[in-house]
All heavy atoms as atom14 arrays in JSON, in Angstrom:
{
  "sequence": "DHAPLLHDPVHARVARAGDVAAGDLILAGVGMGGADYFNDQYTARP",
  "atom14_mask": [
    [1, 1, 1, 1, 1, 1, 1, 1, 0, 0, 0, 0, 0, 0],
    [1, 1, 1, 1, 1, 1, 1, 1, 1, 1, 0, 0, 0, 0],
    [1, 1, 1, 1, 1, 0, 0, 0, 0, 0, 0, 0, 0, 0],
    [1, 1, 1, 1, 1, 1, 1, 0, 0, 0, 0, 0, 0, 0],
    [1, 1, 1, 1, 1, 1, 1, 1, 0, 0, 0, 0, 0, 0],
    [1, 1, 1, 1, 1, 1, 1, 1, 0, 0, 0, 0, 0, 0],
    [1, 1, 1, 1, 1, 1, 1, 1, 1, 1, 0, 0, 0, 0],
    [1, 1, 1, 1, 1, 1, 1, 1, 0, 0, 0, 0, 0, 0],
    [1, 1, 1, 1, 1, 1, 1, 0, 0, 0, 0, 0, 0, 0],
    [1, 1, 1, 1, 1, 1, 1, 0, 0, 0, 0, 0, 0, 0],
    [1, 1, 1, 1, 1, 1, 1, 1, 1, 1, 0, 0, 0, 0],
    [1, 1, 1, 1, 1, 0, 0, 0, 0, 0, 0, 0, 0, 0],
    [1, 1, 1, 1, 1, 1, 1, 1, 1, 1, 1, 0, 0, 0],
    [1, 1, 1, 1, 1, 1, 1, 0, 0, 0, 0, 0, 0, 0],
    [1, 1, 1, 1, 1, 0, 0, 0, 0, 0, 0, 0, 0, 0],
    [1, 1, 1, 1, 1, 1, 1, 1, 1, 1, 1, 0, 0, 0],
    [1, 1, 1, 1, 1, 0, 0, 0, 0, 0, 0, 0, 0, 0],
    [1, 1, 1, 1, 0, 0, 0, 0, 0, 0, 0, 0, 0, 0],
    [1, 1, 1, 1, 1, 1, 1, 1, 0, 0, 0, 0, 0, 0],
    [1, 1, 1, 1, 1, 1, 1, 0, 0, 0, 0, 0, 0, 0],
    [1, 1, 1, 1, 1, 0, 0, 0, 0, 0, 0, 0, 0, 0],
    [1, 1, 1, 1, 1, 0, 0, 0, 0, 0, 0, 0, 0, 0],
    [1, 1, 1, 1, 0, 0, 0, 0, 0, 0, 0, 0, 0, 0],
    [1, 1, 1, 1, 1, 1, 1, 1, 0, 0, 0, 0, 0, 0],
    [1, 1, 1, 1, 1, 1, 1, 1, 0, 0, 0, 0, 0, 0],
    [1, 1, 1, 1, 1, 1, 1, 1, 0, 0, 0, 0, 0, 0],
    [1, 1, 1, 1, 1, 1, 1, 1, 0, 0, 0, 0, 0, 0],
    [1, 1, 1, 1, 1, 0, 0, 0, 0, 0, 0, 0, 0, 0],
    [1, 1, 1, 1, 0, 0, 0, 0, 0, 0, 0, 0, 0, 0],
    [1, 1, 1, 1, 1, 1, 1, 0, 0, 0, 0, 0, 0, 0],
    [1, 1, 1, 1, 0, 0, 0, 0, 0, 0, 0, 0, 0, 0],
    [1, 1, 1, 1, 1, 1, 1, 1, 0, 0, 0, 0, 0, 0],
    [1, 1, 1, 1, 0, 0, 0, 0, 0, 0, 0, 0, 0, 0],
    [1, 1, 1, 1, 0, 0, 0, 0, 0, 0, 0, 0, 0, 0],
    [1, 1, 1, 1, 1, 0, 0, 0, 0, 0, 0, 0, 0, 0],
    [1, 1, 1, 1, 1, 1, 1, 1, 0, 0, 0, 0, 0, 0],
    [1, 1, 1, 1, 1, 1, 1, 1, 1, 1, 1, 1, 0, 0],
    [1, 1, 1, 1, 1, 1, 1, 1, 1, 1, 1, 0, 0, 0],
    [1, 1, 1, 1, 1, 1, 1, 1, 0, 0, 0, 0, 0, 0],
    [1, 1, 1, 1, 1, 1, 1, 1, 0, 0, 0, 0, 0, 0],
    [1, 1, 1, 1, 1, 1, 1, 1, 1, 0, 0, 0, 0, 0],
    [1, 1, 1, 1, 1, 1, 1, 1, 1, 1, 1, 1, 0, 0],
    [1, 1, 1, 1, 1, 1, 1, 0, 0, 0, 0, 0, 0, 0],
    [1, 1, 1, 1, 1, 0, 0, 0, 0, 0, 0, 0, 0, 0],
    [1, 1, 1, 1, 1, 1, 1, 1, 1, 1, 1, 0, 0, 0],
    [1, 1, 1, 1, 1, 1, 1, 0, 0, 0, 0, 0, 0, 0]
  ],
  "atom14_positions": [
    [[0.81, -1.22, 0.0], [0.0, 0.0, 0.0], [0.84, 1.27, 0.0], [0.32, 2.36, -0.11], [-0.91, 0.04, 1.24], [-2.0, -1.01, 1.18], [-2.33, -1.45, 0.07], [-2.5, -1.39, 2.25], [0.0, 0.0, 0.0], [0.0, 0.0, 0.0], [0.0, 0.0, 0.0], [0.0, 0.0, 0.0], [0.0, 0.0, 0.0], [0.0, 0.0, 0.0]],
    [[2.15, 1.13, 0.15], [3.0, 2.31, 0.26], [4.01, 2.37, -0.88], [4.56, 1.36, -1.29], [3.73, 2.32, 1.6], [2.78, 2.48, 2.75], [2.23, 1.41, 3.4], [2.24, 3.58, 3.31], [1.41, 1.85, 4.33], [1.4, 3.16, 4.3], [0.0, 0.0, 0.0], [0.0, 0.0, 0.0], [0.0, 0.0, 0.0], [0.0, 0.0, 0.0]],
    [[4.23, 3.57, -1.33], [5.17, 3.79, -2.44], [6.61, 3.71, -1.93], [6.87, 3.91, -0.75], [4.91, 5.18, -3.03], [0.0, 0.0, 0.0], [0.0, 0.0, 0.0], [0.0, 0.0, 0.0], [0.0, 0.0, 0.0], [0.0, 0.0, 0.0], [0.0, 0.0, 0.0], [0.0, 0.0, 0.0], [0.0, 0.0, 0.0], [0.0, 0.0, 0.0]],
    [[7.55, 3.44, -2.83], [8.97, 3.47, -2.43], [9.36, 4.85, -1.91], [8.77, 5.86, -2.29], [9.72, 3.16, -3.73], [8.72, 2.49, -4.6], [7.38, 3.07, -4.22], [0.0, 0.0, 0.0], [0.0, 0.0, 0.0], [0.0, 0.0, 0.0], [0.0, 0.0, 0.0], [0.0, 0.0, 0.0], [0.0, 0.0, 0.0], [0.0, 0.0, 0.0]],
    [[10.34, 4.89, -1.04], [10.81, 6.16, -0.51], [11.4, 7.0, -1.64], [12.02, 6.48, -2.57], [11.87, 5.94, 0.57], [11.4, 5.15, 1.78], [12.54, 5.0, 2.78], [10.2, 5.8, 2.44], [0.0, 0.0, 0.0], [0.0, 0.0, 0.0], [0.0, 0.0, 0.0], [0.0, 0.0, 0.0], [0.0, 0.0, 0.0], [0.0, 0.0, 0.0]],
    [[11.23, 8.29, -1.55], [11.71, 9.2, -2.58], [13.15, 9.61, -2.36], [13.78, 10.18, -3.23], [10.81, 10.44, -2.64], [9.34, 10.15, -2.94], [8.53, 11.44, -2.86], [9.19, 9.49, -4.29], [0.0, 0.0, 0.0], [0.0, 0.0, 0.0], [0.0, 0.0, 0.0], [0.0, 0.0, 0.0], [0.0, 0.0, 0.0], [0.0, 0.0, 0.0]],
    [[13.68, 9.36, -1.16], [15.05, 9.71, -0.82], [15.76, 8.48, -0.29], [15.14, 7.6, 0.3], [15.1, 10.81, 0.24], [14.58, 12.12, -0.25], [15.36, 13.0, -0.95], [13.37, 12.69, -0.18], [14.65, 14.05, -1.28], [13.43, 13.89, -0.81], [0.0, 0.0, 0.0], [0.0, 0.0, 0.0], [0.0, 0.0, 0.0], [0.0, 0.0, 0.0]],
    [[17.04, 8.42, -0.47], [17.85, 7.32, 0.05], [17.71, 7.31, 1.57], [17.99, 8.31, 2.23], [19.31, 7.53, -0.35], [20.2, 6.37, 0.02], [19.78, 5.5, 0.83], [21.33, 6.32, -0.48], [0.0, 0.0, 0.0], [0.0, 0.0, 0.0], [0.0, 0.0, 0.0], [0.0, 0.0, 0.0], [0.0, 0.0, 0.0], [0.0, 0.0, 0.0]],
    [[17.28, 6.17, 2.15], [17.05, 6.13, 3.59], [18.31, 5.92, 4.43], [18.22, 5.72, 5.62], [16.1, 4.94, 3.73], [16.52, 4.02, 2.63], [16.88, 4.94, 1.48], [0.0, 0.0, 0.0], [0.0, 0.0, 0.0], [0.0, 0.0, 0.0], [0.0, 0.0, 0.0], [0.0, 0.0, 0.0], [0.0, 0.0, 0.0], [0.0, 0.0, 0.0]],
    [[19.48, 6.0, 3.82], [20.71, 5.73, 4.56], [20.86, 6.63, 5.78], [21.45, 6.23, 6.78], [21.94, 5.8, 3.64], [22.23, 7.23, 3.2], [23.16, 5.18, 4.31], [0.0, 0.0, 0.0], [0.0, 0.0, 0.0], [0.0, 0.0, 0.0], [0.0, 0.0, 0.0], [0.0, 0.0, 0.0], [0.0, 0.0, 0.0], [0.0, 0.0, 0.0]],
    [[20.33, 7.82, 5.75], [20.47, 8.75, 6.87], [19.22, 8.82, 7.75], [19.13, 9.67, 8.63], [20.8, 10.15, 6.36], [22.11, 10.22, 5.64], [23.31, 9.98, 6.27], [22.4, 10.48, 4.35], [24.29, 10.09, 5.39], [23.76, 10.39, 4.22], [0.0, 0.0, 0.0], [0.0, 0.0, 0.0], [0.0, 0.0, 0.0], [0.0, 0.0, 0.0]],
    [[18.27, 7.93, 7.5], [17.03, 7.94, 8.29], [17.33, 7.57, 9.74], [18.25, 6.81, 10.03], [16.01, 6.98, 7.69], [0.0, 0.0, 0.0], [0.0, 0.0, 0.0], [0.0, 0.0, 0.0], [0.0, 0.0, 0.0], [0.0, 0.0, 0.0], [0.0, 0.0, 0.0], [0.0, 0.0, 0.0], [0.0, 0.0, 0.0], [0.0, 0.0, 0.0]],
    [[16.56, 8.16, 10.63], [16.69, 7.84, 12.04], [15.34, 8.02, 12.71], [14.46, 8.71, 12.2], [17.74, 8.71, 12.72], [17.37, 10.17, 12.84], [18.45, 10.94, 13.59], [18.06, 12.29, 13.86], [17.38, 12.7, 14.93], [16.99, 11.84, 15.82], [17.1, 13.96, 15.11], [0.0, 0.0, 0.0], [0.0, 0.0, 0.0], [0.0, 0.0, 0.0]],
    [[15.19, 7.4, 13.86], [13.98, 7.52, 14.66], [14.16, 8.69, 15.63], [15.22, 8.82, 16.25], [13.69, 6.21, 15.42], [12.47, 6.37, 16.32], [13.49, 5.06, 14.44], [0.0, 0.0, 0.0], [0.0, 0.0, 0.0], [0.0, 0.0, 0.0], [0.0, 0.0, 0.0], [0.0, 0.0, 0.0], [0.0, 0.0, 0.0], [0.0, 0.0, 0.0]],
    [[13.15, 9.52, 15.73], [13.19, 10.67, 16.63], [11.83, 10.85, 17.29], [10.81, 10.38, 16.77], [13.55, 11.94, 15.86], [0.0, 0.0, 0.0], [0.0, 0.0, 0.0], [0.0, 0.0, 0.0], [0.0, 0.0, 0.0], [0.0, 0.0, 0.0], [0.0, 0.0, 0.0], [0.0, 0.0, 0.0], [0.0, 0.0, 0.0], [0.0, 0.0, 0.0]],
    [[11.83, 11.53, 18.4], [10.56, 11.92, 19.02], [9.96, 13.06, 18.18], [10.69, 13.9, 17.67], [10.79, 12.39, 20.44], [11.1, 11.26, 21.4], [11.17, 11.81, 22.83], [11.35, 10.73, 23.76], [12.53, 10.2, 24.08], [13.63, 10.68, 23.55], [12.6, 9.2, 24.94], [0.0, 0.0, 0.0], [0.0, 0.0, 0.0], [0.0, 0.0, 0.0]],
    [[8.65, 13.08, 18.09], [7.99, 14.14, 17.32], [8.38, 15.52, 17.84], [8.56, 16.46, 17.07], [6.48, 13.96, 17.36], [0.0, 0.0, 0.0], [0.0, 0.0, 0.0], [0.0, 0.0, 0.0], [0.0, 0.0, 0.0], [0.0, 0.0, 0.0], [0.0, 0.0, 0.0], [0.0, 0.0, 0.0], [0.0, 0.0, 0.0], [0.0, 0.0, 0.0]],
    [[8.56, 15.64, 19.14], [8.94, 16.93, 19.73], [10.35, 17.38, 19.37], [10.69, 18.53, 19.56], [0.0, 0.0, 0.0], [0.0, 0.0, 0.0], [0.0, 0.0, 0.0], [0.0, 0.0, 0.0], [0.0, 0.0, 0.0], [0.0, 0.0, 0.0], [0.0, 0.0, 0.0], [0.0, 0.0, 0.0], [0.0, 0.0, 0.0], [0.0, 0.0, 0.0]],
    [[11.16, 16.46, 18.83], [12.53, 16.79, 18.44], [12.69, 17.02, 16.94], [13.79, 17.32, 16.48], [13.49, 15.68, 18.88], [13.55, 15.54, 20.39], [13.33, 16.55, 21.1], [13.82, 14.42, 20.87], [0.0, 0.0, 0.0], [0.0, 0.0, 0.0], [0.0, 0.0, 0.0], [0.0, 0.0, 0.0], [0.0, 0.0, 0.0], [0.0, 0.0, 0.0]],
    [[11.62, 16.87, 16.18], [11.68, 17.08, 14.73], [11.9, 18.56, 14.46], [11.27, 19.42, 15.07], [10.39, 16.57, 14.05], [10.35, 16.95, 12.58], [10.27, 15.06, 14.22], [0.0, 0.0, 0.0], [0.0, 0.0, 0.0], [0.0, 0.0, 0.0], [0.0, 0.0, 0.0], [0.0, 0.0, 0.0], [0.0, 0.0, 0.0], [0.0, 0.0, 0.0]],
    [[12.82, 18.85, 13.55], [13.17, 20.24, 13.22], [12.63, 20.63, 11.85], [12.36, 19.77, 11.01], [14.7, 20.4, 13.24], [0.0, 0.0, 0.0], [0.0, 0.0, 0.0], [0.0, 0.0, 0.0], [0.0, 0.0, 0.0], [0.0, 0.0, 0.0], [0.0, 0.0, 0.0], [0.0, 0.0, 0.0], [0.0, 0.0, 0.0], [0.0, 0.0, 0.0]],
    [[12.53, 21.91, 11.62], [12.09, 22.42, 10.33], [13.01, 21.89, 9.23], [14.23, 21.89, 9.37], [12.1, 23.94, 10.32], [0.0, 0.0, 0.0], [0.0, 0.0, 0.0], [0.0, 0.0, 0.0], [0.0, 0.0, 0.0], [0.0, 0.0, 0.0], [0.0, 0.0, 0.0], [0.0, 0.0, 0.0], [0.0, 0.0, 0.0], [0.0, 0.0, 0.0]],
    [[12.41, 21.39, 8.17], [13.17, 20.87, 7.04], [13.42, 19.38, 7.08], [13.82, 18.79, 6.08], [0.0, 0.0, 0.0], [0.0, 0.0, 0.0], [0.0, 0.0, 0.0], [0.0, 0.0, 0.0], [0.0, 0.0, 0.0], [0.0, 0.0, 0.0], [0.0, 0.0, 0.0], [0.0, 0.0, 0.0], [0.0, 0.0, 0.0], [0.0, 0.0, 0.0]],
    [[13.24, 18.73, 8.25], [13.4, 17.28, 8.31], [12.34, 16.63, 7.42], [11.22, 17.12, 7.31], [13.21, 16.76, 9.74], [14.33, 17.16, 10.69], [15.38, 17.67, 10.21], [14.17, 16.97, 11.9], [0.0, 0.0, 0.0], [0.0, 0.0, 0.0], [0.0, 0.0, 0.0], [0.0, 0.0, 0.0], [0.0, 0.0, 0.0], [0.0, 0.0, 0.0]],
    [[12.7, 15.52, 6.79], [11.77, 14.78, 5.95], [11.13, 13.69, 6.79], [11.83, 12.83, 7.34], [12.49, 14.17, 4.75], [11.6, 13.43, 3.76], [10.65, 14.4, 3.06], [12.45, 12.69, 2.74], [0.0, 0.0, 0.0], [0.0, 0.0, 0.0], [0.0, 0.0, 0.0], [0.0, 0.0, 0.0], [0.0, 0.0, 0.0], [0.0, 0.0, 0.0]],
    [[9.81, 13.7, 6.91], [9.09, 12.73, 7.72], [8.67, 11.58, 6.81], [7.95, 11.78, 5.83], [7.88, 13.38, 8.4], [8.37, 14.52, 9.29], [7.1, 12.34, 9.2], [7.27, 15.34, 9.9], [0.0, 0.0, 0.0], [0.0, 0.0, 0.0], [0.0, 0.0, 0.0], [0.0, 0.0, 0.0], [0.0, 0.0, 0.0], [0.0, 0.0, 0.0]],
    [[9.14, 10.37, 7.15], [8.89, 9.18, 6.34], [7.79, 8.29, 6.89], [7.04, 7.67, 6.13], [10.16, 8.34, 6.21], [11.41, 9.04, 5.67], [12.6, 8.09, 5.72], [11.17, 9.54, 4.26], [0.0, 0.0, 0.0], [0.0, 0.0, 0.0], [0.0, 0.0, 0.0], [0.0, 0.0, 0.0], [0.0, 0.0, 0.0], [0.0, 0.0, 0.0]],
    [[7.71, 8.16, 8.23], [6.8, 7.19, 8.83], [6.57, 7.49, 10.29], [7.38, 8.13, 10.94], [7.38, 5.78, 8.68], [0.0, 0.0, 0.0], [0.0, 0.0, 0.0], [0.0, 0.0, 0.0], [0.0, 0.0, 0.0], [0.0, 0.0, 0.0], [0.0, 0.0, 0.0], [0.0, 0.0, 0.0], [0.0, 0.0, 0.0], [0.0, 0.0, 0.0]],
    [[5.45, 6.99, 10.79], [5.22, 6.94, 12.22], [5.79, 5.61, 12.7], [5.75, 4.61, 11.98], [0.0, 0.0, 0.0], [0.0, 0.0, 0.0], [0.0, 0.0, 0.0], [0.0, 0.0, 0.0], [0.0, 0.0, 0.0], [0.0, 0.0, 0.0], [0.0, 0.0, 0.0], [0.0, 0.0, 0.0], [0.0, 0.0, 0.0], [0.0, 0.0, 0.0]],
    [[6.34, 5.57, 13.9], [6.98, 4.36, 14.41], [6.29, 3.95, 15.71], [6.09, 4.78, 16.6], [8.48, 4.58, 14.68], [9.13, 3.35, 15.26], [9.19, 5.0, 13.39], [0.0, 0.0, 0.0], [0.0, 0.0, 0.0], [0.0, 0.0, 0.0], [0.0, 0.0, 0.0], [0.0, 0.0, 0.0], [0.0, 0.0, 0.0], [0.0, 0.0, 0.0]],
    [[5.93, 2.67, 15.78], [5.31, 2.14, 16.99], [5.87, 0.76, 17.28], [6.79, 0.28, 16.61], [0.0, 0.0, 0.0], [0.0, 0.0, 0.0], [0.0, 0.0, 0.0], [0.0, 0.0, 0.0], [0.0, 0.0, 0.0], [0.0, 0.0, 0.0], [0.0, 0.0, 0.0], [0.0, 0.0, 0.0], [0.0, 0.0, 0.0], [0.0, 0.0, 0.0]],
    [[5.32, 0.12, 18.27], [5.8, -1.21, 18.66], [5.65, -2.23, 17.53], [6.4, -3.18, 17.45], [5.05, -1.69, 19.89], [5.34, -0.86, 21.14], [7.09, -0.77, 21.53], [7.36, -2.41, 22.16], [0.0, 0.0, 0.0], [0.0, 0.0, 0.0], [0.0, 0.0, 0.0], [0.0, 0.0, 0.0], [0.0, 0.0, 0.0], [0.0, 0.0, 0.0]],
    [[4.71, -2.02, 16.64], [4.49, -2.94, 15.52], [5.35, -2.65, 14.31], [5.24, -3.31, 13.29], [0.0, 0.0, 0.0], [0.0, 0.0, 0.0], [0.0, 0.0, 0.0], [0.0, 0.0, 0.0], [0.0, 0.0, 0.0], [0.0, 0.0, 0.0], [0.0, 0.0, 0.0], [0.0, 0.0, 0.0], [0.0, 0.0, 0.0], [0.0, 0.0, 0.0]],
    [[6.2, -1.64, 14.38], [7.05, -1.28, 13.25], [6.73, 0.11, 12.75], [6.11, 0.91, 13.43], [0.0, 0.0, 0.0], [0.0, 0.0, 0.0], [0.0, 0.0, 0.0], [0.0, 0.0, 0.0], [0.0, 0.0, 0.0], [0.0, 0.0, 0.0], [0.0, 0.0, 0.0], [0.0, 0.0, 0.0], [0.0, 0.0, 0.0], [0.0, 0.0, 0.0]],
    [[7.15, 0.37, 11.53], [6.96, 1.7, 10.93], [5.73, 1.7, 10.04], [5.49, 0.76, 9.3], [8.19, 2.09, 10.12], [0.0, 0.0, 0.0], [0.0, 0.0, 0.0], [0.0, 0.0, 0.0], [0.0, 0.0, 0.0], [0.0, 0.0, 0.0], [0.0, 0.0, 0.0], [0.0, 0.0, 0.0], [0.0, 0.0, 0.0], [0.0, 0.0, 0.0]],
    [[4.96, 2.76, 10.12], [3.81, 2.96, 9.25], [4.2, 4.07, 8.27], [4.11, 5.26, 8.58], [2.58, 3.36, 10.06], [1.35, 3.58, 9.2], [1.34, 3.11, 8.03], [0.4, 4.23, 9.68], [0.0, 0.0, 0.0], [0.0, 0.0, 0.0], [0.0, 0.0, 0.0], [0.0, 0.0, 0.0], [0.0, 0.0, 0.0], [0.0, 0.0, 0.0]],
    [[4.69, 3.66, 7.11], [5.19, 4.61, 6.11], [4.04, 5.42, 5.52], [2.95, 4.92, 5.3], [5.92, 3.88, 4.98], [7.25, 3.33, 5.41], [7.35, 2.06, 5.95], [8.4, 4.08, 5.28], [8.57, 1.55, 6.36], [9.63, 3.59, 5.69], [9.71, 2.32, 6.22], [10.91, 1.84, 6.63], [0.0, 0.0, 0.0], [0.0, 0.0, 0.0]],
    [[4.34, 6.69, 5.25], [3.35, 7.57, 4.63], [3.51, 7.52, 3.12], [4.63, 7.5, 2.61], [3.53, 9.01, 5.11], [3.47, 9.14, 6.62], [4.47, 9.79, 7.31], [2.41, 8.61, 7.33], [4.42, 9.92, 8.68], [2.35, 8.73, 8.7], [3.36, 9.39, 9.38], [0.0, 0.0, 0.0], [0.0, 0.0, 0.0], [0.0, 0.0, 0.0]],
    [[2.39, 7.54, 2.4], [2.46, 7.64, 0.94], [3.01, 8.99, 0.54], [3.69, 9.13, -0.46], [1.1, 7.41, 0.31], [0.78, 5.94, 0.17], [1.67, 5.11, 0.03], [-0.49, 5.61, 0.23], [0.0, 0.0, 0.0], [0.0, 0.0, 0.0], [0.0, 0.0, 0.0], [0.0, 0.0, 0.0], [0.0, 0.0, 0.0], [0.0, 0.0, 0.0]],
    [[2.68, 10.0, 1.31], [3.16, 11.35, 1.05], [4.21, 11.71, 2.1], [3.88, 12.2, 3.17], [2.02, 12.36, 1.11], [1.01, 12.16, 0.01], [1.43, 11.85, -1.11], [-0.2, 12.31, 0.28], [0.0, 0.0, 0.0], [0.0, 0.0, 0.0], [0.0, 0.0, 0.0], [0.0, 0.0, 0.0], [0.0, 0.0, 0.0], [0.0, 0.0, 0.0]],
    [[5.48, 11.4, 1.8], [6.54, 11.83, 2.7], [6.57, 13.35, 2.64], [6.36, 13.92, 1.58], [7.86, 11.23, 2.23], [7.81, 9.71, 2.2], [8.56, 9.13, 1.02], [9.6, 9.63, 0.65], [8.02, 8.08, 0.43], [0.0, 0.0, 0.0], [0.0, 0.0, 0.0], [0.0, 0.0, 0.0], [0.0, 0.0, 0.0], [0.0, 0.0, 0.0]],
    [[6.77, 13.98, 3.77], [6.64, 15.44, 3.76], [7.7, 16.12, 4.62], [8.28, 15.53, 5.5], [5.24, 15.86, 4.2], [4.85, 15.44, 5.6], [4.91, 16.35, 6.64], [4.39, 14.15, 5.86], [4.54, 15.98, 7.92], [4.02, 13.77, 7.14], [4.09, 14.7, 8.16], [3.73, 14.33, 9.44], [0.0, 0.0, 0.0], [0.0, 0.0, 0.0]],
    [[7.92, 17.38, 4.31], [8.9, 18.19, 5.0], [8.26, 18.79, 6.25], [7.17, 19.37, 6.18], [9.4, 19.32, 4.09], [9.98, 18.72, 2.92], [10.45, 20.17, 4.78], [0.0, 0.0, 0.0], [0.0, 0.0, 0.0], [0.0, 0.0, 0.0], [0.0, 0.0, 0.0], [0.0, 0.0, 0.0], [0.0, 0.0, 0.0], [0.0, 0.0, 0.0]],
    [[8.95, 18.66, 7.37], [8.44, 19.2, 8.63], [8.49, 20.72, 8.62], [9.47, 21.32, 8.19], [9.26, 18.65, 9.8], [0.0, 0.0, 0.0], [0.0, 0.0, 0.0], [0.0, 0.0, 0.0], [0.0, 0.0, 0.0], [0.0, 0.0, 0.0], [0.0, 0.0, 0.0], [0.0, 0.0, 0.0], [0.0, 0.0, 0.0], [0.0, 0.0, 0.0]],
    [[7.41, 21.29, 9.1], [7.31, 22.74, 9.31], [6.68, 22.94, 10.68], [5.51, 23.34, 10.78], [6.45, 23.37, 8.21], [7.06, 23.28, 6.83], [6.13, 23.9, 5.78], [6.73, 23.84, 4.48], [6.57, 22.85, 3.61], [5.82, 21.82, 3.92], [7.16, 22.88, 2.43], [0.0, 0.0, 0.0], [0.0, 0.0, 0.0], [0.0, 0.0, 0.0]],
    [[7.44, 22.63, 11.75], [6.87, 22.68, 13.1], [6.36, 24.07, 13.48], [6.92, 25.08, 13.06], [8.04, 22.29, 14.0], [9.02, 21.62, 13.12], [8.85, 22.23, 11.77], [0.0, 0.0, 0.0], [0.0, 0.0, 0.0], [0.0, 0.0, 0.0], [0.0, 0.0, 0.0], [0.0, 0.0, 0.0], [0.0, 0.0, 0.0], [0.0, 0.0, 0.0]]
  ]
}
């Protein structure tokens, strides 16, 4: 159900939502069951 990532995930990391900075690319929500990737990866504008 999810499209391939648009950017190389080599630099991806898990962060708390409160620590996301402007310009970070948000790929997925992360929970105990794994990552829920978004079809529309988007740039953070906190």
